[in-house]
Amino acid sequence: MLYSNHSCDPNLGLRGEITFVAMCEIRAGEELTHDWAMTDDDDYSVECNCGANSCRKVLTGKDWQKPELQRKYAGYFSAYLARKISKQS
């Protein structure tokens, strides 16, 4: 997404493959953020400095596999990852 940054406490989630939706009320001028765990399945590990109280400090392309994130973002994963999560259940 062109105008969204990562946050471990995001205000955007996904519906389907490419539609971003608000997960909470977003005030005018508020930064738009999504968690890469909702979209990424690549092989990487990077330091996170998003500043959220729930910051994971390290992001990986496999964070979507964490049960706590699957619960937190249920209904907001990309369709691709939602299918992968469904196969795990």
PDB file of N, CA and C in Angstrom:
ATOM      1  N   MET A   1       0.854  -1.179   0.000  1.00  0.00           N
ATOM      2  CA  MET A   1       0.000   0.000   0.000  1.00  0.00           C
ATOM      3  C   MET A   1       0.893   1.232   0.000  1.00  0.00           C
ATOM      4  N   LEU A   2       0.581   2.157  -0.825  1.00  0.00           N
ATOM      5  CA  LEU A   2       1.418   3.331  -1.032  1.00  0.00           C
ATOM      6  C   LEU A   2       1.509   4.238   0.187  1.00  0.00           C
ATOM      7  N   TYR A   3       0.420   4.426   0.917  1.00  0.00           N
ATOM      8  CA  TYR A   3       0.421   5.391   2.015  1.00  0.00           C
ATOM      9  C   TYR A   3       0.141   4.745   3.364  1.00  0.00           C
ATOM     10  N   SER A   4       0.725   3.598   3.611  1.00  0.00           N
ATOM     11  CA  SER A   4       0.555   2.908   4.884  1.00  0.00           C
ATOM     12  C   SER A   4       1.914   2.450   5.379  1.00  0.00           C
ATOM     13  N   ASN A   5       2.129   2.593   6.665  1.00  0.00           N
ATOM     14  CA  ASN A   5       3.357   2.106   7.290  1.00  0.00           C
ATOM     15  C   ASN A   5       3.034   0.900   8.154  1.00  0.00           C
ATOM     16  N   HIS A   6       4.075   0.200   8.578  1.00  0.00           N
ATOM     17  CA  HIS A   6       3.884  -0.925   9.489  1.00  0.00           C
ATOM     18  C   HIS A   6       3.653  -0.407  10.905  1.00  0.00           C
ATOM     19  N   SER A   7       2.816  -1.125  11.653  1.00  0.00           N
ATOM     20  CA  SER A   7       2.687  -0.946  13.096  1.00  0.00           C
ATOM     21  C   SER A   7       2.301  -2.288  13.695  1.00  0.00           C
ATOM     22  N   CYS A   8       2.819  -2.581  14.873  1.00  0.00           N
ATOM     23  CA  CYS A   8       2.411  -3.779  15.608  1.00  0.00           C
ATOM     24  C   CYS A   8       1.049  -3.565  16.265  1.00  0.00           C
ATOM     25  N   ASP A   9       0.512  -2.345  16.173  1.00  0.00           N
ATOM     26  CA  ASP A   9      -0.835  -2.017  16.651  1.00  0.00           C
ATOM     27  C   ASP A   9      -1.532  -1.232  15.536  1.00  0.00           C
ATOM     28  N   PRO A  10      -1.890  -1.918  14.440  1.00  0.00           N
ATOM     29  CA  PRO A  10      -2.367  -1.239  13.236  1.00  0.00           C
ATOM     30  C   PRO A  10      -3.810  -0.758  13.329  1.00  0.00           C
ATOM     31  N   ASN A  11      -4.143   0.170  12.417  1.00  0.00           N
ATOM     32  CA  ASN A  11      -5.530   0.609  12.311  1.00  0.00           C
ATOM     33  C   ASN A  11      -6.184   0.123  11.020  1.00  0.00           C
ATOM     34  N   LEU A  12      -5.421  -0.558  10.160  1.00  0.00           N
ATOM     35  CA  LEU A  12      -5.950  -1.122   8.925  1.00  0.00           C
ATOM     36  C   LEU A  12      -5.763  -2.633   8.900  1.00  0.00           C
ATOM     37  N   GLY A  13      -6.709  -3.315   8.296  1.00  0.00           N
ATOM     38  CA  GLY A  13      -6.610  -4.745   8.027  1.00  0.00           C
ATOM     39  C   GLY A  13      -6.981  -4.974   6.574  1.00  0.00           C
ATOM     40  N   LEU A  14      -6.988  -6.216   6.154  1.00  0.00           N
ATOM     41  CA  LEU A  14      -7.310  -6.538   4.765  1.00  0.00           C
ATOM     42  C   LEU A  14      -8.624  -7.278   4.651  1.00  0.00           C
ATOM     43  N   ARG A  15      -9.249  -7.103   3.509  1.00  0.00           N
ATOM     44  CA  ARG A  15     -10.381  -7.922   3.086  1.00  0.00           C
ATOM     45  C   ARG A  15     -10.013  -8.407   1.696  1.00  0.00           C
ATOM     46  N   GLY A  16      -9.950  -9.696   1.511  1.00  0.00           N
ATOM     47  CA  GLY A  16      -9.556 -10.233   0.216  1.00  0.00           C
ATOM     48  C   GLY A  16      -8.071 -10.022  -0.014  1.00  0.00           C
ATOM     49  N   GLU A  17      -7.708  -9.804  -1.267  1.00  0.00           N
ATOM     50  CA  GLU A  17      -6.288  -9.696  -1.616  1.00  0.00           C
ATOM     51  C   GLU A  17      -5.725  -8.293  -1.428  1.00  0.00           C
ATOM     52  N   ILE A  18      -6.490  -7.262  -1.805  1.00  0.00           N
ATOM     53  CA  ILE A  18      -5.879  -5.930  -1.845  1.00  0.00           C
ATOM     54  C   ILE A  18      -6.729  -4.813  -1.248  1.00  0.00           C
ATOM     55  N   THR A  19      -7.827  -5.133  -0.623  1.00  0.00           N
ATOM     56  CA  THR A  19      -8.691  -4.096  -0.064  1.00  0.00           C
ATOM     57  C   THR A  19      -8.370  -3.877   1.405  1.00  0.00           C
ATOM     58  N   PHE A  20      -7.918  -2.681   1.738  1.00  0.00           N
ATOM     59  CA  PHE A  20      -7.654  -2.337   3.131  1.00  0.00           C
ATOM     60  C   PHE A  20      -8.922  -1.767   3.754  1.00  0.00           C
ATOM     61  N   VAL A  21      -9.182  -2.152   5.006  1.00  0.00           N
ATOM     62  CA  VAL A  21     -10.356  -1.675   5.742  1.00  0.00           C
ATOM     63  C   VAL A  21      -9.915  -1.202   7.123  1.00  0.00           C
ATOM     64  N   ALA A  22     -10.675  -0.280   7.682  1.00  0.00           N
ATOM     65  CA  ALA A  22     -10.375   0.221   9.030  1.00  0.00           C
ATOM     66  C   ALA A  22     -10.713  -0.853  10.060  1.00  0.00           C
ATOM     67  N   MET A  23      -9.802  -1.075  10.991  1.00  0.00           N
ATOM     68  CA  MET A  23     -10.030  -2.011  12.094  1.00  0.00           C
ATOM     69  C   MET A  23     -10.558  -1.274  13.322  1.00  0.00           C
ATOM     70  N   CYS A  24     -10.515   0.044  13.258  1.00  0.00           N
ATOM     71  CA  CYS A  24     -10.959   0.887  14.362  1.00  0.00           C
ATOM     72  C   CYS A  24     -11.261   2.266  13.779  1.00  0.00           C
ATOM     73  N   GLU A  25     -11.734   3.151  14.596  1.00  0.00           N
ATOM     74  CA  GLU A  25     -11.969   4.530  14.146  1.00  0.00           C
ATOM     75  C   GLU A  25     -10.621   5.175  13.816  1.00  0.00           C
ATOM     76  N   ILE A  26     -10.547   5.833  12.676  1.00  0.00           N
ATOM     77  CA  ILE A  26      -9.325   6.524  12.256  1.00  0.00           C
ATOM     78  C   ILE A  26      -9.646   8.009  12.140  1.00  0.00           C
ATOM     79  N   ARG A  27      -8.931   8.808  12.911  1.00  0.00           N
ATOM     80  CA  ARG A  27      -9.149  10.258  12.905  1.00  0.00           C
ATOM     81  C   ARG A  27      -8.510  10.897  11.666  1.00  0.00           C
ATOM     82  N   ALA A  28      -9.058  12.006  11.242  1.00  0.00           N
ATOM     83  CA  ALA A  28      -8.488  12.755  10.125  1.00  0.00           C
ATOM     84  C   ALA A  28      -7.039  13.089  10.445  1.00  0.00           C
ATOM     85  N   GLY A  29      -6.147  12.821   9.518  1.00  0.00           N
ATOM     86  CA  GLY A  29      -4.733  13.117   9.699  1.00  0.00           C
ATOM     87  C   GLY A  29      -3.944  12.028  10.404  1.00  0.00           C
ATOM     88  N   GLU A  30      -4.620  11.023  10.952  1.00  0.00           N
ATOM     89  CA  GLU A  30      -3.928   9.934  11.647  1.00  0.00           C
ATOM     90  C   GLU A  30      -3.168   9.074  10.633  1.00  0.00           C
ATOM     91  N   GLU A  31      -1.987   8.639  11.005  1.00  0.00           N
ATOM     92  CA  GLU A  31      -1.187   7.770  10.147  1.00  0.00           C
ATOM     93  C   GLU A  31      -1.922   6.456   9.896  1.00  0.00           C
ATOM     94  N   LEU A  32      -1.918   6.007   8.639  1.00  0.00           N
ATOM     95  CA  LEU A  32      -2.507   4.718   8.286  1.00  0.00           C
ATOM     96  C   LEU A  32      -1.438   3.645   8.430  1.00  0.00           C
ATOM     97  N   THR A  33      -1.782   2.578   9.154  1.00  0.00           N
ATOM     98  CA  THR A  33      -0.801   1.524   9.410  1.00  0.00           C
ATOM     99  C   THR A  33      -1.444   0.152   9.273  1.00  0.00           C
ATOM    100  N   HIS A  34      -0.634  -0.805   8.874  1.00  0.00           N
ATOM    101  CA  HIS A  34      -1.046  -2.206   8.894  1.00  0.00           C
ATOM    102  C   HIS A  34       0.138  -3.026   9.387  1.00  0.00           C
ATOM    103  N   ASP A  35      -0.141  -4.211   9.875  1.00  0.00           N
ATOM    104  CA  ASP A  35       0.915  -5.100  10.365  1.00  0.00           C
ATOM    105  C   ASP A  35       1.334  -6.009   9.218  1.00  0.00           C
ATOM    106  N   TRP A  36       2.614  -6.037   8.933  1.00  0.00           N
ATOM    107  CA  TRP A  36       3.114  -6.880   7.849  1.00  0.00           C
ATOM    108  C   TRP A  36       2.738  -8.340   8.051  1.00  0.00           C
ATOM    109  N   ALA A  37       2.457  -8.751   9.292  1.00  0.00           N
ATOM    110  CA  ALA A  37       2.057 -10.139   9.559  1.00  0.00           C
ATOM    111  C   ALA A  37       0.770 -10.495   8.817  1.00  0.00           C
ATOM    112  N   MET A  38      -0.024  -9.500   8.419  1.00  0.00           N
ATOM    113  CA  MET A  38      -1.277  -9.759   7.708  1.00  0.00           C
ATOM    114  C   MET A  38      -1.061 -10.029   6.226  1.00  0.00           C
ATOM    115  N   THR A  39       0.139  -9.711   5.722  1.00  0.00           N
ATOM    116  CA  THR A  39       0.351  -9.778   4.271  1.00  0.00           C
ATOM    117  C   THR A  39       1.588 -10.552   3.848  1.00  0.00           C
ATOM    118  N   ASP A  40       2.576 -10.703   4.715  1.00  0.00           N
ATOM    119  CA  ASP A  40       3.874 -11.228   4.284  1.00  0.00           C
ATOM    120  C   ASP A  40       4.097 -12.681   4.666  1.00  0.00           C
ATOM    121  N   ASP A  41       4.694 -13.419   3.728  1.00  0.00           N
ATOM    122  CA  ASP A  41       5.115 -14.799   3.953  1.00  0.00           C
ATOM    123  C   ASP A  41       6.511 -14.993   3.365  1.00  0.00           C
ATOM    124  N   ASP A  42       7.305 -13.946   3.388  1.00  0.00           N
ATOM    125  CA  ASP A  42       8.658 -13.993   2.835  1.00  0.00           C
ATOM    126  C   ASP A  42       9.660 -14.369   3.916  1.00  0.00           C
ATOM    127  N   ASP A  43      10.872 -14.655   3.491  1.00  0.00           N
ATOM    128  CA  ASP A  43      11.948 -15.008   4.415  1.00  0.00           C
ATOM    129  C   ASP A  43      12.743 -13.756   4.777  1.00  0.00           C
ATOM    130  N   TYR A  44      12.429 -13.137   5.882  1.00  0.00           N
ATOM    131  CA  TYR A  44      13.186 -11.974   6.339  1.00  0.00           C
ATOM    132  C   TYR A  44      13.023 -11.810   7.839  1.00  0.00           C
ATOM    133  N   SER A  45      13.907 -11.031   8.398  1.00  0.00           N
ATOM    134  CA  SER A  45      13.848 -10.651   9.810  1.00  0.00           C
ATOM    135  C   SER A  45      14.405  -9.235   9.896  1.00  0.00           C
ATOM    136  N   VAL A  46      13.599  -8.310  10.423  1.00  0.00           N
ATOM    137  CA  VAL A  46      14.027  -6.919  10.542  1.00  0.00           C
ATOM    138  C   VAL A  46      13.654  -6.378  11.915  1.00  0.00           C
ATOM    139  N   GLU A  47      14.432  -5.429  12.370  1.00  0.00           N
ATOM    140  CA  GLU A  47      14.144  -4.756  13.637  1.00  0.00           C
ATOM    141  C   GLU A  47      12.937  -3.843  13.448  1.00  0.00           C
ATOM    142  N   CYS A  48      12.064  -3.809  14.448  1.00  0.00           N
ATOM    143  CA  CYS A  48      10.891  -2.933  14.405  1.00  0.00           C
ATOM    144  C   CYS A  48      11.039  -1.836  15.451  1.00  0.00           C
ATOM    145  N   ASN A  49      10.764  -0.628  15.040  1.00  0.00           N
ATOM    146  CA  ASN A  49      10.772   0.532  15.939  1.00  0.00           C
ATOM    147  C   ASN A  49       9.473   1.307  15.790  1.00  0.00           C
ATOM    148  N   CYS A  50       8.359   0.578  15.675  1.00  0.00           N
ATOM    149  CA  CYS A  50       7.085   1.253  15.404  1.00  0.00           C
ATOM    150  C   CYS A  50       6.596   2.082  16.587  1.00  0.00           C
ATOM    151  N   GLY A  51       7.071   1.786  17.783  1.00  0.00           N
ATOM    152  CA  GLY A  51       6.690   2.572  18.950  1.00  0.00           C
ATOM    153  C   GLY A  51       5.411   2.133  19.636  1.00  0.00           C
ATOM    154  N   ALA A  52       4.738   1.127  19.091  1.00  0.00           N
ATOM    155  CA  ALA A  52       3.510   0.632  19.729  1.00  0.00           C
ATOM    156  C   ALA A  52       3.848  -0.067  21.042  1.00  0.00           C
ATOM    157  N   ASN A  53       2.935   0.023  22.008  1.00  0.00           N
ATOM    158  CA  ASN A  53       3.142  -0.693  23.275  1.00  0.00           C
ATOM    159  C   ASN A  53       3.304  -2.185  23.045  1.00  0.00           C
ATOM    160  N   SER A  54       2.653  -2.695  22.005  1.00  0.00           N
ATOM    161  CA  SER A  54       2.704  -4.122  21.690  1.00  0.00           C
ATOM    162  C   SER A  54       3.786  -4.464  20.665  1.00  0.00           C
ATOM    163  N   CYS A  55       4.750  -3.573  20.455  1.00  0.00           N
ATOM    164  CA  CYS A  55       5.795  -3.782  19.447  1.00  0.00           C
ATOM    165  C   CYS A  55       6.517  -5.110  19.682  1.00  0.00           C
ATOM    166  N   ARG A  56       6.664  -5.891  18.598  1.00  0.00           N
ATOM    167  CA  ARG A  56       7.344  -7.190  18.679  1.00  0.00           C
ATOM    168  C   ARG A  56       8.862  -7.040  18.637  1.00  0.00           C
ATOM    169  N   LYS A  57       9.377  -5.871  18.345  1.00  0.00           N
ATOM    170  CA  LYS A  57      10.815  -5.549  18.283  1.00  0.00           C
ATOM    171  C   LYS A  57      11.514  -6.177  17.076  1.00  0.00           C
ATOM    172  N   VAL A  58      11.120  -7.375  16.689  1.00  0.00           N
ATOM    173  CA  VAL A  58      11.667  -8.040  15.501  1.00  0.00           C
ATOM    174  C   VAL A  58      10.492  -8.559  14.684  1.00  0.00           C
ATOM    175  N   LEU A  59      10.478  -8.222  13.400  1.00  0.00           N
ATOM    176  CA  LEU A  59       9.444  -8.700  12.481  1.00  0.00           C
ATOM    177  C   LEU A  59      10.044  -9.757  11.577  1.00  0.00           C
ATOM    178  N   THR A  60       9.267 -10.791  11.297  1.00  0.00           N
ATOM    179  CA  THR A  60       9.703 -11.786  10.322  1.00  0.00           C
ATOM    180  C   THR A  60       8.570 -12.013   9.332  1.00  0.00           C
ATOM    181  N   GLY A  61       8.911 -12.587   8.213  1.00  0.00           N
ATOM    182  CA  GLY A  61       7.904 -12.916   7.214  1.00  0.00           C
ATOM    183  C   GLY A  61       7.025 -14.078   7.620  1.00  0.00           C
ATOM    184  N   LYS A  62       7.308 -14.665   8.758  1.00  0.00           N
ATOM    185  CA  LYS A  62       6.522 -15.806   9.243  1.00  0.00           C
ATOM    186  C   LYS A  62       5.714 -15.453  10.490  1.00  0.00           C
ATOM    187  N   ASP A  63       5.626 -14.173  10.834  1.00  0.00           N
ATOM    188  CA  ASP A  63       4.869 -13.770  12.027  1.00  0.00           C
ATOM    189  C   ASP A  63       3.400 -14.165  11.932  1.00  0.00           C
ATOM    190  N   TRP A  64       2.865 -14.297  10.728  1.00  0.00           N
ATOM    191  CA  TRP A  64       1.469 -14.702  10.551  1.00  0.00           C
ATOM    192  C   TRP A  64       1.199 -16.069  11.175  1.00  0.00           C
ATOM    193  N   GLN A  65       2.241 -16.864  11.396  1.00  0.00           N
ATOM    194  CA  GLN A  65       2.079 -18.202  11.968  1.00  0.00           C
ATOM    195  C   GLN A  65       1.884 -18.175  13.486  1.00  0.00           C
ATOM    196  N   LYS A  66       2.113 -17.033  14.116  1.00  0.00           N
ATOM    197  CA  LYS A  66       1.984 -16.947  15.572  1.00  0.00           C
ATOM    198  C   LYS A  66       0.506 -16.990  15.965  1.00  0.00           C
ATOM    199  N   PRO A  67       0.134 -17.944  16.829  1.00  0.00           N
ATOM    200  CA  PRO A  67      -1.279 -18.073  17.219  1.00  0.00           C
ATOM    201  C   PRO A  67      -1.877 -16.782  17.778  1.00  0.00           C
ATOM    202  N   GLU A  68      -1.101 -16.022  18.550  1.00  0.00           N
ATOM    203  CA  GLU A  68      -1.651 -14.790  19.127  1.00  0.00           C
ATOM    204  C   GLU A  68      -1.971 -13.759  18.050  1.00  0.00           C
ATOM    205  N   LEU A  69      -1.176 -13.724  16.970  1.00  0.00           N
ATOM    206  CA  LEU A  69      -1.470 -12.791  15.874  1.00  0.00           C
ATOM    207  C   LEU A  69      -2.621 -13.312  15.021  1.00  0.00           C
ATOM    208  N   GLN A  70      -2.721 -14.624  14.872  1.00  0.00           N
ATOM    209  CA  GLN A  70      -3.860 -15.189  14.142  1.00  0.00           C
ATOM    210  C   GLN A  70      -5.166 -14.841  14.846  1.00  0.00           C
ATOM    211  N   ARG A  71      -5.163 -14.873  16.175  1.00  0.00           N
ATOM    212  CA  ARG A  71      -6.364 -14.487  16.926  1.00  0.00           C
ATOM    213  C   ARG A  71      -6.618 -12.980  16.803  1.00  0.00           C
ATOM    214  N   LYS A  72      -5.571 -12.187  16.977  1.00  0.00           N
ATOM    215  CA  LYS A  72      -5.699 -10.723  16.959  1.00  0.00           C
ATOM    216  C   LYS A  72      -6.208 -10.212  15.607  1.00  0.00           C
ATOM    217  N   TYR A  73      -5.741 -10.821  14.529  1.00  0.00           N
ATOM    218  CA  TYR A  73      -6.064 -10.335  13.188  1.00  0.00           C
ATOM    219  C   TYR A  73      -7.052 -11.224  12.436  1.00  0.00           C
ATOM    220  N   ALA A  74      -7.757 -12.086  13.134  1.00  0.00           N
ATOM    221  CA  ALA A  74      -8.746 -12.958  12.476  1.00  0.00           C
ATOM    222  C   ALA A  74      -9.710 -12.105  11.656  1.00  0.00           C
ATOM    223  N   GLY A  75      -9.871 -12.467  10.397  1.00  0.00           N
ATOM    224  CA  GLY A  75     -10.744 -11.709   9.501  1.00  0.00           C
ATOM    225  C   GLY A  75     -10.055 -10.567   8.789  1.00  0.00           C
ATOM    226  N   TYR A  76      -8.783 -10.314   9.110  1.00  0.00           N
ATOM    227  CA  TYR A  76      -8.053  -9.193   8.505  1.00  0.00           C
ATOM    228  C   TYR A  76      -6.787  -9.611   7.758  1.00  0.00           C
ATOM    229  N   PHE A  77      -6.538 -10.905   7.587  1.00  0.00           N
ATOM    230  CA  PHE A  77      -5.374 -11.364   6.829  1.00  0.00           C
ATOM    231  C   PHE A  77      -5.665 -11.283   5.334  1.00  0.00           C
ATOM    232  N   SER A  78      -4.598 -11.173   4.536  1.00  0.00           N
ATOM    233  CA  SER A  78      -4.773 -11.271   3.089  1.00  0.00           C
ATOM    234  C   SER A  78      -5.402 -12.628   2.790  1.00  0.00           C
ATOM    235  N   ALA A  79      -6.111 -12.726   1.681  1.00  0.00           N
ATOM    236  CA  ALA A  79      -6.774 -13.983   1.322  1.00  0.00           C
ATOM    237  C   ALA A  79      -5.758 -15.116   1.230  1.00  0.00           C
ATOM    238  N   TYR A  80      -4.584 -14.819   0.705  1.00  0.00           N
ATOM    239  CA  TYR A  80      -3.519 -15.818   0.573  1.00  0.00           C
ATOM    240  C   TYR A  80      -3.143 -16.400   1.933  1.00  0.00           C
ATOM    241  N   LEU A  81      -2.898 -15.540   2.915  1.00  0.00           N
ATOM    242  CA  LEU A  81      -2.523 -16.032   4.243  1.00  0.00           C
ATOM    243  C   LEU A  81      -3.716 -16.648   4.965  1.00  0.00           C
ATOM    244  N   ALA A  82      -4.906 -16.121   4.754  1.00  0.00           N
ATOM    245  CA  ALA A  82      -6.100 -16.709   5.380  1.00  0.00           C
ATOM    246  C   ALA A  82      -6.263 -18.160   4.938  1.00  0.00           C
ATOM    247  N   ARG A  83      -5.981 -18.447   3.663  1.00  0.00           N
ATOM    248  CA  ARG A  83      -6.057 -19.836   3.176  1.00  0.00           C
ATOM    249  C   ARG A  83      -5.007 -20.701   3.858  1.00  0.00           C
ATOM    250  N   LYS A  84      -3.801 -20.175   4.013  1.00  0.00           N
ATOM    251  CA  LYS A  84      -2.737 -20.942   4.677  1.00  0.00           C
ATOM    252  C   LYS A  84      -3.097 -21.218   6.139  1.00  0.00           C
ATOM    253  N   ILE A  85      -3.646 -20.225   6.817  1.00  0.00           N
ATOM    254  CA  ILE A  85      -4.045 -20.385   8.220  1.00  0.00           C
ATOM    255  C   ILE A  85      -5.166 -21.417   8.324  1.00  0.00           C
ATOM    256  N   SER A  86      -6.106 -21.353   7.404  1.00  0.00           N
ATOM    257  CA  SER A  86      -7.229 -22.292   7.402  1.00  0.00           C
ATOM    258  C   SER A  86      -6.744 -23.733   7.251  1.00  0.00           C
ATOM    259  N   LYS A  87      -5.727 -23.942   6.438  1.00  0.00           N
ATOM    260  CA  LYS A  87      -5.175 -25.291   6.231  1.00  0.00           C
ATOM    261  C   LYS A  87      -4.482 -25.811   7.481  1.00  0.00           C
ATOM    262  N   GLN A  88      -3.997 -24.913   8.339  1.00  0.00           N
ATOM    263  CA  GLN A  88      -3.321 -25.317   9.577  1.00  0.00           C
ATOM    264  C   GLN A  88      -4.310 -25.814  10.619  1.00  0.00           C
ATOM    265  N   SER A  89      -5.539 -25.349  10.548  1.00  0.00           N
ATOM    266  CA  SER A  89      -6.536 -25.669  11.586  1.00  0.00           C
ATOM    267  C   SER A  89      -7.049 -27.088  11.466  1.00  0.00           C
TER     268      SER A  89
END
